[in-house]
Amino acid sequence: ILGRYRHDRGAASATRRLLRELPPAEWPSFAEMAARLGLSEPTLRRHLAGDGESFSEIKEEIRRKLALDWLARAAKPVGQVAADLGYTEPSAFHRAFHKWAGMSPGEFRRSRTK
């Protein structure tokens, strides 16, 4: 028996798909996302909750994956990675990255080049 992965359907899937189509610095607000999906804000919030997620959790998940990939593969400066991910302050990116990985972006990058 095959089951569908929870990200394969519903509002969470549609939200992920639309966010992945845009650079993080250009991601829509929650209100704009609801409008793009043809839903009211309360309806989108309810659908996401039904999928066990929130808009901010989805954005953070995608940002985390992009950050790990970009820092591991690209030679972009950490500040540029932060800007490309939509962080207006590099310190905010550093705090978020430390929460995700338990180390700074620079430490992560150095651990990948050893």
Protein backbone atom coordinates (compact mmCIF):
# COMPACT_ATOMS: atom_id res chain seq x y z
CA ILE A 1 0.00 0.00 0.00
CA LEU A 2 1.35 3.36 -0.96
CA GLY A 3 0.61 6.42 1.10
CA ARG A 4 1.16 9.99 0.16
CA TYR A 5 3.87 11.93 1.90
CA ARG A 6 2.30 14.78 3.85
CA HIS A 7 4.00 17.41 1.66
CA ASP A 8 2.44 16.01 -1.53
CA ARG A 9 -0.97 17.57 -1.10
CA GLY A 10 -2.95 20.45 0.28
CA ALA A 11 -2.17 24.01 1.16
CA ALA A 12 1.28 23.20 2.54
CA SER A 13 2.32 21.64 -0.77
CA ALA A 14 0.97 24.55 -2.79
CA THR A 15 2.71 27.02 -0.49
CA ARG A 16 6.03 25.18 -0.80
CA ARG A 17 5.73 25.02 -4.58
CA LEU A 18 5.06 28.75 -4.90
CA LEU A 19 7.88 29.68 -2.50
CA ARG A 20 10.37 27.48 -4.34
CA GLU A 21 9.55 29.25 -7.60
CA LEU A 22 10.80 32.57 -6.21
CA PRO A 23 14.06 33.76 -4.68
CA PRO A 24 13.57 34.00 -0.89
CA ALA A 25 14.13 37.75 -0.94
CA GLU A 26 11.01 38.01 -3.13
CA TRP A 27 8.71 35.72 -1.15
CA PRO A 28 5.19 37.04 -0.74
CA SER A 29 3.69 37.98 2.58
CA PHE A 30 1.11 35.68 4.12
CA ALA A 31 -1.70 37.86 2.72
CA GLU A 32 -0.16 37.78 -0.76
CA MET A 33 0.29 33.99 -0.54
CA ALA A 34 -3.36 33.54 0.38
CA ALA A 35 -4.39 35.72 -2.57
CA ARG A 36 -2.14 33.75 -4.96
CA LEU A 37 -3.76 30.53 -3.79
CA GLY A 38 -7.24 32.04 -4.13
CA LEU A 39 -7.94 31.72 -0.41
CA SER A 40 -8.71 34.12 2.40
CA GLU A 41 -6.06 34.46 5.08
CA PRO A 42 -8.10 32.60 7.73
CA THR A 43 -8.82 29.78 5.26
CA LEU A 44 -5.15 29.40 4.33
CA ARG A 45 -4.19 29.46 8.01
CA ARG A 46 -6.80 26.76 8.73
CA HIS A 47 -5.65 24.58 5.81
CA LEU A 48 -2.01 24.87 6.84
CA ALA A 49 -2.92 23.99 10.42
CA GLY A 50 -4.82 20.99 9.07
CA ASP A 51 -1.60 19.94 7.34
CA GLY A 52 0.19 20.38 10.68
CA GLU A 53 2.21 23.39 9.52
CA SER A 54 2.36 27.15 9.46
CA PHE A 55 3.52 29.62 6.83
CA SER A 56 6.53 30.64 8.90
CA GLU A 57 7.54 27.00 9.48
CA ILE A 58 7.42 26.31 5.74
CA LYS A 59 9.51 29.39 4.96
CA GLU A 60 12.04 28.48 7.65
CA GLU A 61 12.28 24.89 6.35
CA ILE A 62 13.01 26.06 2.80
CA ARG A 63 15.47 28.72 3.99
CA ARG A 64 17.28 26.12 6.11
CA LYS A 65 17.63 23.71 3.20
CA LEU A 66 18.83 26.46 0.86
CA ALA A 67 21.30 27.79 3.43
CA LEU A 68 22.83 24.38 4.05
CA ASP A 69 23.09 23.71 0.31
CA TRP A 70 24.49 27.12 -0.61
CA LEU A 71 27.05 27.12 2.20
CA ALA A 72 28.17 23.57 1.37
CA ARG A 73 28.39 24.04 -2.40
CA ALA A 74 28.81 27.69 -3.32
CA ALA A 75 31.68 30.04 -2.69
CA LYS A 76 29.33 32.96 -1.93
CA PRO A 77 30.27 35.01 1.11
CA VAL A 78 28.09 34.29 4.13
CA GLY A 79 26.69 37.82 4.00
CA GLN A 80 25.55 37.25 0.42
CA VAL A 81 23.90 33.95 1.38
CA ALA A 82 22.05 35.81 4.14
CA ALA A 83 20.88 38.52 1.72
CA ASP A 84 19.87 35.95 -0.92
CA LEU A 85 17.78 34.18 1.72
CA GLY A 86 15.91 37.41 2.46
CA TYR A 87 17.58 38.38 5.72
CA THR A 88 18.01 42.13 6.04
CA GLU A 89 20.58 41.72 8.81
CA PRO A 90 23.40 39.15 8.67
CA SER A 91 23.12 38.77 12.45
CA ALA A 92 19.55 37.47 12.06
CA PHE A 93 20.80 34.86 9.60
CA HIS A 94 23.61 33.86 11.96
CA ARG A 95 21.14 33.39 14.83
CA ALA A 96 18.77 31.34 12.66
CA PHE A 97 21.57 29.22 11.25
CA HIS A 98 22.99 28.53 14.70
CA LYS A 99 19.52 27.38 15.78
CA TRP A 100 19.29 25.04 12.77
CA ALA A 101 22.80 23.62 12.72
CA GLY A 102 24.21 24.23 16.18
CA MET A 103 27.11 26.18 14.72
CA SER A 104 27.77 29.40 12.83
CA PRO A 105 27.58 29.50 9.03
CA GLY A 106 31.36 29.94 8.86
CA GLU A 107 31.94 26.92 11.12
CA PHE A 108 29.56 24.88 8.99
CA ARG A 109 31.37 25.86 5.80
CA ARG A 110 34.78 25.07 7.30
CA SER A 111 33.52 21.67 8.50
CA ARG A 112 32.51 20.87 4.91
CA THR A 113 35.86 21.74 3.40
CA LYS A 114 37.95 19.52 5.69
